[in-house]
Amino acid sequence: MQINTGIPADHRQAIAEGPSRLLADSDTLYLKTHNFHWNVTGPMFQTLHTMFEHEYTELATAVDEIAERIRALGQPAPGSYSVFAKLSSIREAEGVPAAKEMIAQLVAGHEAVAATARSVFPAAEVGRDEVDRRPADPAHAGAREDRLDAAQPARLKHWPPSDRVVT
């Protein structure tokens, strides 16, 4: 069954390319963080081991949500290491770096994920504009807004918080 999102199929495919890169970056960062969790050593072991676990758990949730957004566009979500390697801007760590280098690499990885996420906005805006321009169907009055509201995870419905400026 095809769901009418109000966005033409070719546009949905183009829009899904950005989240696919975001998925690849996020999953690569997840794997790198999990690797560092397993392999961190030294005087900061307990603190970093715990922090890395928290981070990879958050990334696992994000990866799932991103993949589901791609599927909501009617596109297959990429899910193999070879595809992720082609799409990701984050490179794997070579060997087992020292703890401080792990931190530096993960900071750089989070910055890369943020940059990729920001790059997705223009294509997503085009998709939103497609839906906004769709003629209203009196039989489904209010349904578009309900559908769009339901598609937003609860924690993103009021993002960004009014006391925070996102650049």
C-alpha atoms as a PDB file:
ATOM      1  CA  MET A   1       0.000   0.000   0.000  1.00  0.00           C
ATOM      2  CA  GLN A   2       1.365   3.403  -0.968  1.00  0.00           C
ATOM      3  CA  ILE A   3       0.885   6.228   1.498  1.00  0.00           C
ATOM      4  CA  ASN A   4       0.324   9.625  -0.047  1.00  0.00           C
ATOM      5  CA  THR A   5       2.733  11.949   1.739  1.00  0.00           C
ATOM      6  CA  GLY A   6       2.095  14.764  -0.714  1.00  0.00           C
ATOM      7  CA  ILE A   7       5.727  14.575  -1.865  1.00  0.00           C
ATOM      8  CA  PRO A   8       6.394  13.111  -5.329  1.00  0.00           C
ATOM      9  CA  ALA A   9       8.401   9.855  -5.350  1.00  0.00           C
ATOM     10  CA  ASP A  10      11.449  11.390  -7.065  1.00  0.00           C
ATOM     11  CA  HIS A  11      11.548  14.152  -4.445  1.00  0.00           C
ATOM     12  CA  ARG A  12      11.242  11.617  -1.608  1.00  0.00           C
ATOM     13  CA  GLN A  13      14.237   9.755  -3.016  1.00  0.00           C
ATOM     14  CA  ALA A  14      16.285  12.965  -3.229  1.00  0.00           C
ATOM     15  CA  ILE A  15      15.229  13.990   0.273  1.00  0.00           C
ATOM     16  CA  ALA A  16      16.208  10.544   1.655  1.00  0.00           C
ATOM     17  CA  GLU A  17      19.793  10.941   0.404  1.00  0.00           C
ATOM     18  CA  GLY A  18      20.602  13.418   3.198  1.00  0.00           C
ATOM     19  CA  PRO A  19      19.230  11.300   6.053  1.00  0.00           C
ATOM     20  CA  SER A  20      21.054   8.312   4.526  1.00  0.00           C
ATOM     21  CA  ARG A  21      24.355  10.203   4.940  1.00  0.00           C
ATOM     22  CA  LEU A  22      23.280  11.185   8.458  1.00  0.00           C
ATOM     23  CA  LEU A  23      22.482   7.539   9.212  1.00  0.00           C
ATOM     24  CA  ALA A  24      25.912   6.473   7.933  1.00  0.00           C
ATOM     25  CA  ASP A  25      27.690   9.131  10.001  1.00  0.00           C
ATOM     26  CA  SER A  26      25.672   8.307  13.115  1.00  0.00           C
ATOM     27  CA  ASP A  27      26.159   4.560  12.799  1.00  0.00           C
ATOM     28  CA  THR A  28      29.881   4.959  12.147  1.00  0.00           C
ATOM     29  CA  LEU A  29      30.154   7.193  15.216  1.00  0.00           C
ATOM     30  CA  TYR A  30      28.150   4.615  17.194  1.00  0.00           C
ATOM     31  CA  LEU A  31      30.570   1.857  16.221  1.00  0.00           C
ATOM     32  CA  LYS A  32      33.610   4.019  16.968  1.00  0.00           C
ATOM     33  CA  THR A  33      32.191   5.003  20.373  1.00  0.00           C
ATOM     34  CA  HIS A  34      31.374   1.392  21.231  1.00  0.00           C
ATOM     35  CA  ASN A  35      34.906   0.360  20.195  1.00  0.00           C
ATOM     36  CA  PHE A  36      36.401   3.029  22.449  1.00  0.00           C
ATOM     37  CA  HIS A  37      34.110   1.927  25.314  1.00  0.00           C
ATOM     38  CA  TRP A  38      35.553  -1.573  25.046  1.00  0.00           C
ATOM     39  CA  ASN A  39      39.164  -0.495  24.651  1.00  0.00           C
ATOM     40  CA  VAL A  40      39.730   2.619  26.776  1.00  0.00           C
ATOM     41  CA  THR A  41      42.498   2.283  29.374  1.00  0.00           C
ATOM     42  CA  GLY A  42      44.334   4.476  31.831  1.00  0.00           C
ATOM     43  CA  PRO A  43      43.504   6.663  34.816  1.00  0.00           C
ATOM     44  CA  MET A  44      40.277   7.973  33.199  1.00  0.00           C
ATOM     45  CA  PHE A  45      39.035   4.439  32.450  1.00  0.00           C
ATOM     46  CA  GLN A  46      35.924   4.371  34.646  1.00  0.00           C
ATOM     47  CA  THR A  47      34.737   7.867  33.701  1.00  0.00           C
ATOM     48  CA  LEU A  48      35.307   7.381  29.963  1.00  0.00           C
ATOM     49  CA  HIS A  49      33.990   3.811  29.931  1.00  0.00           C
ATOM     50  CA  THR A  50      30.728   5.051  31.477  1.00  0.00           C
ATOM     51  CA  MET A  51      30.519   8.142  29.272  1.00  0.00           C
ATOM     52  CA  PHE A  52      31.171   6.153  26.085  1.00  0.00           C
ATOM     53  CA  GLU A  53      28.426   3.693  27.056  1.00  0.00           C
ATOM     54  CA  HIS A  54      25.969   6.541  27.535  1.00  0.00           C
ATOM     55  CA  GLU A  55      26.982   8.028  24.164  1.00  0.00           C
ATOM     56  CA  TYR A  56      26.695   4.807  22.149  1.00  0.00           C
ATOM     57  CA  THR A  57      23.318   4.083  23.739  1.00  0.00           C
ATOM     58  CA  GLU A  58      22.060   7.523  22.659  1.00  0.00           C
ATOM     59  CA  LEU A  59      23.514   7.014  19.183  1.00  0.00           C
ATOM     60  CA  ALA A  60      21.777   3.629  18.851  1.00  0.00           C
ATOM     61  CA  THR A  61      18.438   5.330  19.489  1.00  0.00           C
ATOM     62  CA  ALA A  62      19.256   8.106  17.010  1.00  0.00           C
ATOM     63  CA  VAL A  63      20.288   5.603  14.327  1.00  0.00           C
ATOM     64  CA  ASP A  64      16.959   3.811  14.655  1.00  0.00           C
ATOM     65  CA  GLU A  65      14.968   7.053  14.427  1.00  0.00           C
ATOM     66  CA  ILE A  66      16.903   8.244  11.372  1.00  0.00           C
ATOM     67  CA  ALA A  67      16.373   4.911   9.597  1.00  0.00           C
ATOM     68  CA  GLU A  68      12.651   5.061  10.362  1.00  0.00           C
ATOM     69  CA  ARG A  69      12.459   8.581   8.883  1.00  0.00           C
ATOM     70  CA  ILE A  70      14.063   7.278   5.683  1.00  0.00           C
ATOM     71  CA  ARG A  71      11.537   4.434   5.585  1.00  0.00           C
ATOM     72  CA  ALA A  72       8.700   6.947   6.145  1.00  0.00           C
ATOM     73  CA  LEU A  73       9.808   8.571   2.892  1.00  0.00           C
ATOM     74  CA  GLY A  74       9.244   5.211   1.192  1.00  0.00           C
ATOM     75  CA  GLN A  75      12.970   4.615   0.654  1.00  0.00           C
ATOM     76  CA  PRO A  76      15.121   1.734   1.893  1.00  0.00           C
ATOM     77  CA  ALA A  77      17.407   2.663   4.781  1.00  0.00           C
ATOM     78  CA  PRO A  78      21.047   1.785   4.124  1.00  0.00           C
ATOM     79  CA  GLY A  79      22.287  -0.821   6.569  1.00  0.00           C
ATOM     80  CA  SER A  80      25.608  -2.357   5.583  1.00  0.00           C
ATOM     81  CA  TYR A  81      29.170  -1.484   6.517  1.00  0.00           C
ATOM     82  CA  SER A  82      30.146  -1.157   2.853  1.00  0.00           C
ATOM     83  CA  VAL A  83      27.363   1.353   2.137  1.00  0.00           C
ATOM     84  CA  PHE A  84      28.031   3.245   5.361  1.00  0.00           C
ATOM     85  CA  ALA A  85      31.737   3.452   4.446  1.00  0.00           C
ATOM     86  CA  LYS A  86      30.803   5.091   1.136  1.00  0.00           C
ATOM     87  CA  LEU A  87      28.315   7.537   2.678  1.00  0.00           C
ATOM     88  CA  SER A  88      30.006   8.483   5.952  1.00  0.00           C
ATOM     89  CA  SER A  89      32.293  11.450   6.472  1.00  0.00           C
ATOM     90  CA  ILE A  90      33.639   9.798   9.650  1.00  0.00           C
ATOM     91  CA  ARG A  91      36.596   7.453   9.337  1.00  0.00           C
ATOM     92  CA  GLU A  92      37.308   4.462  11.533  1.00  0.00           C
ATOM     93  CA  ALA A  93      40.023   4.699  14.160  1.00  0.00           C
ATOM     94  CA  GLU A  94      43.261   2.963  13.332  1.00  0.00           C
ATOM     95  CA  GLY A  95      44.405   0.745  16.146  1.00  0.00           C
ATOM     96  CA  VAL A  96      43.555   1.695  19.716  1.00  0.00           C
ATOM     97  CA  PRO A  97      44.296   5.357  20.364  1.00  0.00           C
ATOM     98  CA  ALA A  98      45.141   6.755  23.799  1.00  0.00           C
ATOM     99  CA  ALA A  99      42.189   7.963  25.899  1.00  0.00           C
ATOM    100  CA  LYS A 100      42.673  11.649  25.090  1.00  0.00           C
ATOM    101  CA  GLU A 101      42.875  10.853  21.359  1.00  0.00           C
ATOM    102  CA  MET A 102      39.644   8.843  21.689  1.00  0.00           C
ATOM    103  CA  ILE A 103      37.959  11.918  23.136  1.00  0.00           C
ATOM    104  CA  ALA A 104      39.323  14.133  20.338  1.00  0.00           C
ATOM    105  CA  GLN A 105      38.131  11.700  17.666  1.00  0.00           C
ATOM    106  CA  LEU A 106      34.662  11.448  19.187  1.00  0.00           C
ATOM    107  CA  VAL A 107      34.348  15.224  19.480  1.00  0.00           C
ATOM    108  CA  ALA A 108      35.296  15.484  15.787  1.00  0.00           C
ATOM    109  CA  GLY A 109      32.764  12.741  15.012  1.00  0.00           C
ATOM    110  CA  HIS A 110      29.942  14.557  16.804  1.00  0.00           C
ATOM    111  CA  GLU A 111      30.857  17.753  14.964  1.00  0.00           C
ATOM    112  CA  ALA A 112      30.691  15.839  11.666  1.00  0.00           C
ATOM    113  CA  VAL A 113      27.265  14.397  12.537  1.00  0.00           C
ATOM    114  CA  ALA A 114      26.012  17.887  13.411  1.00  0.00           C
ATOM    115  CA  ALA A 115      27.337  19.275  10.111  1.00  0.00           C
ATOM    116  CA  THR A 116      25.684  16.451   8.165  1.00  0.00           C
ATOM    117  CA  ALA A 117      22.403  17.024  10.014  1.00  0.00           C
ATOM    118  CA  ARG A 118      22.500  20.725   9.143  1.00  0.00           C
ATOM    119  CA  SER A 119      23.138  19.881   5.487  1.00  0.00           C
ATOM    120  CA  VAL A 120      19.897  17.845   5.387  1.00  0.00           C
ATOM    121  CA  PHE A 121      17.657  20.817   6.196  1.00  0.00           C
ATOM    122  CA  PRO A 122      17.424  22.355   2.680  1.00  0.00           C
ATOM    123  CA  ALA A 123      16.115  19.144   1.068  1.00  0.00           C
ATOM    124  CA  ALA A 124      13.747  18.549   3.985  1.00  0.00           C
ATOM    125  CA  GLU A 125      12.406  22.080   3.584  1.00  0.00           C
ATOM    126  CA  VAL A 126      11.645  21.360  -0.085  1.00  0.00           C
ATOM    127  CA  GLY A 127       9.645  18.312   1.016  1.00  0.00           C
ATOM    128  CA  ARG A 128       7.771  20.324   3.605  1.00  0.00           C
ATOM    129  CA  ASP A 129       7.004  22.967   1.001  1.00  0.00           C
ATOM    130  CA  GLU A 130       5.649  20.242  -1.316  1.00  0.00           C
ATOM    131  CA  VAL A 131       3.226  19.132   1.404  1.00  0.00           C
ATOM    132  CA  ASP A 132       2.291  22.732   2.265  1.00  0.00           C
ATOM    133  CA  ARG A 133       1.423  23.474  -1.397  1.00  0.00           C
ATOM    134  CA  ARG A 134      -0.782  20.411  -1.721  1.00  0.00           C
ATOM    135  CA  PRO A 135      -4.418  21.416  -2.205  1.00  0.00           C
ATOM    136  CA  ALA A 136      -6.570  20.968   0.860  1.00  0.00           C
ATOM    137  CA  ASP A 137      -9.017  18.084   0.700  1.00  0.00           C
ATOM    138  CA  PRO A 138     -12.149  19.046   2.645  1.00  0.00           C
ATOM    139  CA  ALA A 139     -12.765  15.371   3.460  1.00  0.00           C
ATOM    140  CA  HIS A 140      -9.427  15.275   5.264  1.00  0.00           C
ATOM    141  CA  ALA A 141      -9.414  18.722   6.854  1.00  0.00           C
ATOM    142  CA  GLY A 142      -6.821  18.842   9.604  1.00  0.00           C
ATOM    143  CA  ALA A 143      -5.464  15.394   8.733  1.00  0.00           C
ATOM    144  CA  ARG A 144      -2.222  16.781   7.275  1.00  0.00           C
ATOM    145  CA  GLU A 145      -1.428  18.635  10.480  1.00  0.00           C
ATOM    146  CA  ASP A 146      -2.300  15.580  12.574  1.00  0.00           C
ATOM    147  CA  ARG A 147      -0.082  13.406  10.369  1.00  0.00           C
ATOM    148  CA  LEU A 148       2.848  15.814  10.541  1.00  0.00           C
ATOM    149  CA  ASP A 149       2.454  16.233  14.298  1.00  0.00           C
ATOM    150  CA  ALA A 150       2.274  12.467  14.823  1.00  0.00           C
ATOM    151  CA  ALA A 151       5.434  11.986  12.762  1.00  0.00           C
ATOM    152  CA  GLN A 152       7.480  14.097  15.203  1.00  0.00           C
ATOM    153  CA  PRO A 153       9.048  12.277  18.150  1.00  0.00           C
ATOM    154  CA  ALA A 154       7.716  13.784  21.368  1.00  0.00           C
ATOM    155  CA  ARG A 155      11.092  15.196  22.339  1.00  0.00           C
ATOM    156  CA  LEU A 156      11.397  17.088  19.043  1.00  0.00           C
ATOM    157  CA  LYS A 157       7.946  18.679  18.996  1.00  0.00           C
ATOM    158  CA  HIS A 158       9.162  21.762  20.820  1.00  0.00           C
ATOM    159  CA  TRP A 159      12.729  21.860  19.516  1.00  0.00           C
ATOM    160  CA  PRO A 160      14.733  23.969  19.944  1.00  0.00           C
ATOM    161  CA  PRO A 161      13.904  24.957  23.501  1.00  0.00           C
ATOM    162  CA  SER A 162      13.095  28.661  23.679  1.00  0.00           C
ATOM    163  CA  ASP A 163      15.990  29.267  26.081  1.00  0.00           C
ATOM    164  CA  ARG A 164      18.524  27.870  23.612  1.00  0.00           C
ATOM    165  CA  VAL A 165      19.787  29.175  20.327  1.00  0.00           C
ATOM    166  CA  VAL A 166      20.886  26.570  17.793  1.00  0.00           C
ATOM    167  CA  THR A 167      23.348  27.717  15.148  1.00  0.00           C
END
